[in-house]
Amino acid sequence: MKSTKSPGKTAAFFCSLTFVGICSARLVSAQTNSVYSKAEAEKVVRAIEKIEAEVSSEPSSPGRSVALTESELNSYIAYCIEIGGEEIMKELRIKILDQNRLEGKAGIDLSGKDIPSFLKPKMTLYFSGDLIVRDSIARMEFIELYIDEQRIMPFILDGVISLVARFSGDEPVDLRRGFELPYGIRDIRTQKGTAVFYY
């Protein structure tokens, strides 16, 4: 399969938190041990390639969309984490609800890193919020954030993002300010269990 430019690890991670950042990793024939569906991950790869090809050939053609299920996106995210050799984010799963509401959890491992004392080396981040998309810019409006069982304020998440960025050599991402959607995608709308990407 052809390759495309990949976003930085932190960008890929936090875009994936809002599931819009379909990372640009390509499936390979290597054996894997994680529990996910390779067939579902391959379907997402084909969707990415379809969007790239159609936008490149007809950039202004309206009304095109691709629907992907929650299970397919989770399989793809799991595969990206595995083949990317991710050292900090060990797990990410999302739940897609109606009207662009998202829930999810991410497993973060900062073992051996110089982190503030109020953070544990291994954390599970739980989140819920609304994905807001306007003019090809997406941002996450968080409703609830937890680290393990402790509810946290958004500024704590900002600190975690900065730490992950520092240890993975990427630029921090400010989800509340928003970021540009991946190549060709103009909008995203969800219903329970499904996300529709308009391009």
Protein backbone atom coordinates (compact mmCIF):
# COMPACT_ATOMS: atom_id res chain seq x y z
CA MET A 1 0.00 0.00 0.00
CA LYS A 2 1.16 3.52 -0.62
CA SER A 3 2.41 5.58 2.31
CA THR A 4 1.40 9.04 3.36
CA LYS A 5 2.77 11.54 5.81
CA SER A 6 2.10 10.53 9.39
CA PRO A 7 1.22 13.00 12.12
CA GLY A 8 3.39 13.17 15.23
CA LYS A 9 2.67 10.58 17.89
CA THR A 10 1.10 13.07 20.26
CA ALA A 11 -1.02 14.60 17.51
CA ALA A 12 -2.11 11.13 16.39
CA PHE A 13 -2.91 10.22 19.98
CA PHE A 14 -5.03 13.23 20.82
CA CYS A 15 -6.67 13.38 17.41
CA SER A 16 -7.64 9.79 18.04
CA LEU A 17 -9.16 10.82 21.34
CA THR A 18 -11.68 12.59 19.19
CA PHE A 19 -11.39 9.80 16.63
CA VAL A 20 -11.01 12.29 13.81
CA GLY A 21 -7.28 11.88 13.52
CA ILE A 22 -7.25 8.68 11.52
CA CYS A 23 -3.51 8.12 11.70
CA SER A 24 -1.73 7.44 8.42
CA ALA A 25 -0.14 4.12 9.37
CA ARG A 26 -0.56 1.40 6.75
CA LEU A 27 -1.25 -2.25 7.45
CA VAL A 28 1.66 -4.63 7.00
CA SER A 29 1.84 -8.40 6.92
CA ALA A 30 3.57 -8.70 10.31
CA GLN A 31 2.11 -11.05 12.87
CA THR A 32 0.38 -9.29 15.78
CA ASN A 33 -0.84 -10.35 19.20
CA SER A 34 -3.38 -7.65 20.13
CA VAL A 35 -7.06 -8.51 20.22
CA TYR A 36 -8.74 -6.57 17.42
CA SER A 37 -10.04 -7.23 13.94
CA LYS A 38 -7.48 -6.86 11.19
CA ALA A 39 -10.30 -6.96 8.63
CA GLU A 40 -11.93 -3.98 10.31
CA ALA A 41 -8.63 -2.09 10.42
CA GLU A 42 -8.15 -2.79 6.71
CA LYS A 43 -11.57 -1.34 5.98
CA VAL A 44 -10.50 1.93 7.62
CA VAL A 45 -7.30 1.95 5.56
CA ARG A 46 -9.35 1.56 2.38
CA ALA A 47 -11.60 4.43 3.49
CA ILE A 48 -8.57 6.67 4.05
CA GLU A 49 -7.21 5.83 0.61
CA LYS A 50 -10.61 6.42 -0.97
CA ILE A 51 -10.87 9.88 0.60
CA GLU A 52 -7.31 10.79 -0.43
CA ALA A 53 -7.80 9.61 -4.01
CA GLU A 54 -11.17 11.26 -4.56
CA VAL A 55 -10.17 14.58 -2.98
CA SER A 56 -6.97 14.65 -5.04
CA SER A 57 -8.83 14.03 -8.31
CA GLU A 58 -11.94 16.12 -7.56
CA PRO A 59 -11.20 18.43 -4.62
CA SER A 60 -14.43 20.43 -4.77
CA SER A 61 -16.97 17.66 -5.39
CA PRO A 62 -19.72 17.95 -2.71
CA GLY A 63 -21.84 15.34 -0.97
CA ARG A 64 -19.30 12.56 -0.49
CA SER A 65 -19.10 10.63 2.77
CA VAL A 66 -17.72 7.48 4.36
CA ALA A 67 -19.36 5.80 7.36
CA LEU A 68 -17.21 3.84 9.81
CA THR A 69 -18.39 1.92 12.84
CA GLU A 70 -17.13 2.28 16.37
CA SER A 71 -15.70 -1.23 16.21
CA GLU A 72 -13.84 -0.53 12.95
CA LEU A 73 -12.31 2.66 14.31
CA ASN A 74 -11.28 0.96 17.55
CA SER A 75 -9.65 -1.88 15.59
CA TYR A 76 -7.76 0.64 13.49
CA ILE A 77 -6.63 2.65 16.51
CA ALA A 78 -5.42 -0.55 18.23
CA TYR A 79 -3.48 -1.53 15.14
CA CYS A 80 -1.88 1.92 14.88
CA ILE A 81 -0.78 1.73 18.51
CA GLU A 82 0.70 -1.71 17.97
CA ILE A 83 2.58 -1.19 14.72
CA GLY A 84 3.69 2.28 15.80
CA GLY A 85 5.48 0.82 18.81
CA GLU A 86 3.77 3.35 21.05
CA GLU A 87 5.66 3.58 24.35
CA ILE A 88 3.39 5.96 26.25
CA MET A 89 -0.17 5.32 25.11
CA LYS A 90 -0.89 1.63 25.56
CA GLU A 91 -4.62 1.62 24.87
CA LEU A 92 -7.29 3.84 23.42
CA ARG A 93 -10.94 2.93 22.98
CA ILE A 94 -13.79 5.20 21.99
CA LYS A 95 -17.57 4.98 22.28
CA ILE A 96 -19.54 6.87 19.64
CA LEU A 97 -22.91 8.28 20.68
CA ASP A 98 -25.57 10.39 18.98
CA GLN A 99 -25.09 14.06 18.05
CA ASN A 100 -21.28 14.04 18.15
CA ARG A 101 -21.07 12.91 21.77
CA LEU A 102 -18.01 10.77 22.49
CA GLU A 103 -16.82 8.73 25.45
CA GLY A 104 -13.60 6.83 25.80
CA LYS A 105 -10.60 5.72 27.76
CA ALA A 106 -6.86 5.85 27.18
CA GLY A 107 -4.17 3.91 29.00
CA ILE A 108 -1.02 5.98 29.54
CA ASP A 109 2.31 4.64 30.81
CA LEU A 110 4.91 7.19 31.91
CA SER A 111 6.98 4.68 33.91
CA GLY A 112 10.58 5.79 34.29
CA LYS A 113 9.79 9.36 33.26
CA ASP A 114 10.31 12.49 35.34
CA ILE A 115 6.69 13.33 36.11
CA PRO A 116 5.02 15.49 38.79
CA SER A 117 4.33 13.73 42.08
CA PHE A 118 0.55 14.14 41.75
CA LEU A 119 0.54 11.88 38.68
CA LYS A 120 0.94 8.13 38.74
CA PRO A 121 3.27 6.53 36.19
CA LYS A 122 0.42 4.38 34.87
CA MET A 123 -2.93 6.11 34.40
CA THR A 124 -6.23 5.44 32.75
CA LEU A 125 -7.86 8.56 31.36
CA TYR A 126 -11.65 8.47 30.99
CA PHE A 127 -13.40 11.22 29.07
CA SER A 128 -16.72 12.30 27.65
CA GLY A 129 -17.56 15.31 25.58
CA ASP A 130 -18.84 16.78 22.36
CA LEU A 131 -16.94 16.92 19.11
CA ILE A 132 -17.46 20.35 17.59
CA VAL A 133 -16.63 20.75 13.88
CA ARG A 134 -16.72 24.05 12.02
CA ASP A 135 -14.93 25.08 8.80
CA SER A 136 -12.84 21.87 8.77
CA ILE A 137 -11.63 22.61 12.31
CA ALA A 138 -12.45 20.17 15.10
CA ARG A 139 -12.29 20.73 18.82
CA MET A 140 -13.30 18.70 21.84
CA GLU A 141 -15.62 20.24 24.42
CA PHE A 142 -15.12 18.06 27.45
CA ILE A 143 -17.97 17.30 29.82
CA GLU A 144 -16.18 14.93 32.19
CA LEU A 145 -12.54 13.96 32.65
CA TYR A 146 -11.19 11.36 35.05
CA ILE A 147 -7.77 9.95 35.79
CA ASP A 148 -8.53 6.52 37.21
CA GLU A 149 -11.40 7.29 39.62
CA GLN A 150 -10.44 10.91 40.31
CA ARG A 151 -12.33 13.62 38.46
CA ILE A 152 -9.95 16.23 37.04
CA MET A 153 -10.14 19.71 35.60
CA PRO A 154 -9.10 20.34 31.97
CA PHE A 155 -5.85 22.04 33.02
CA ILE A 156 -4.67 18.69 34.42
CA LEU A 157 -5.26 17.13 31.01
CA ASP A 158 -3.24 19.99 29.50
CA GLY A 159 -0.38 18.98 31.78
CA VAL A 160 -0.63 15.34 30.76
CA ILE A 161 -0.65 16.35 27.07
CA SER A 162 2.47 18.47 27.62
CA LEU A 163 4.23 15.58 29.35
CA VAL A 164 3.35 13.12 26.60
CA ALA A 165 4.56 15.63 24.01
CA ARG A 166 7.82 16.17 25.84
CA PHE A 167 8.60 12.48 26.15
CA SER A 168 7.62 11.63 22.56
CA GLY A 169 9.27 14.66 20.95
CA ASP A 170 6.10 16.18 19.51
CA GLU A 171 4.36 19.52 19.78
CA PRO A 172 1.57 19.66 22.40
CA VAL A 173 -1.97 19.78 21.06
CA ASP A 174 -4.63 22.07 22.52
CA LEU A 175 -7.88 20.17 21.93
CA ARG A 176 -10.05 23.03 23.14
CA ARG A 177 -8.61 25.46 20.62
CA GLY A 178 -9.15 22.96 17.84
CA PHE A 179 -7.11 21.52 15.02
CA GLU A 180 -7.47 21.03 11.30
CA LEU A 181 -9.19 17.84 10.20
CA PRO A 182 -7.15 15.24 8.30
CA TYR A 183 -6.66 15.71 4.57
CA GLY A 184 -9.92 16.11 2.66
CA ILE A 185 -12.34 15.72 5.58
CA ARG A 186 -14.76 18.63 5.94
CA ASP A 187 -17.16 17.50 8.63
CA ILE A 188 -18.04 14.63 10.96
CA ARG A 189 -21.44 13.59 12.25
CA THR A 190 -22.20 10.71 14.57
CA GLN A 191 -25.06 8.47 15.52
CA LYS A 192 -24.79 5.72 18.08
CA GLY A 193 -22.01 3.36 17.06
CA THR A 194 -21.20 5.09 13.76
CA ALA A 195 -19.23 8.11 12.55
CA VAL A 196 -19.83 9.62 9.10
CA PHE A 197 -16.89 11.54 7.57
CA TYR A 198 -17.86 14.10 4.93
CA TYR A 199 -15.27 15.12 2.36
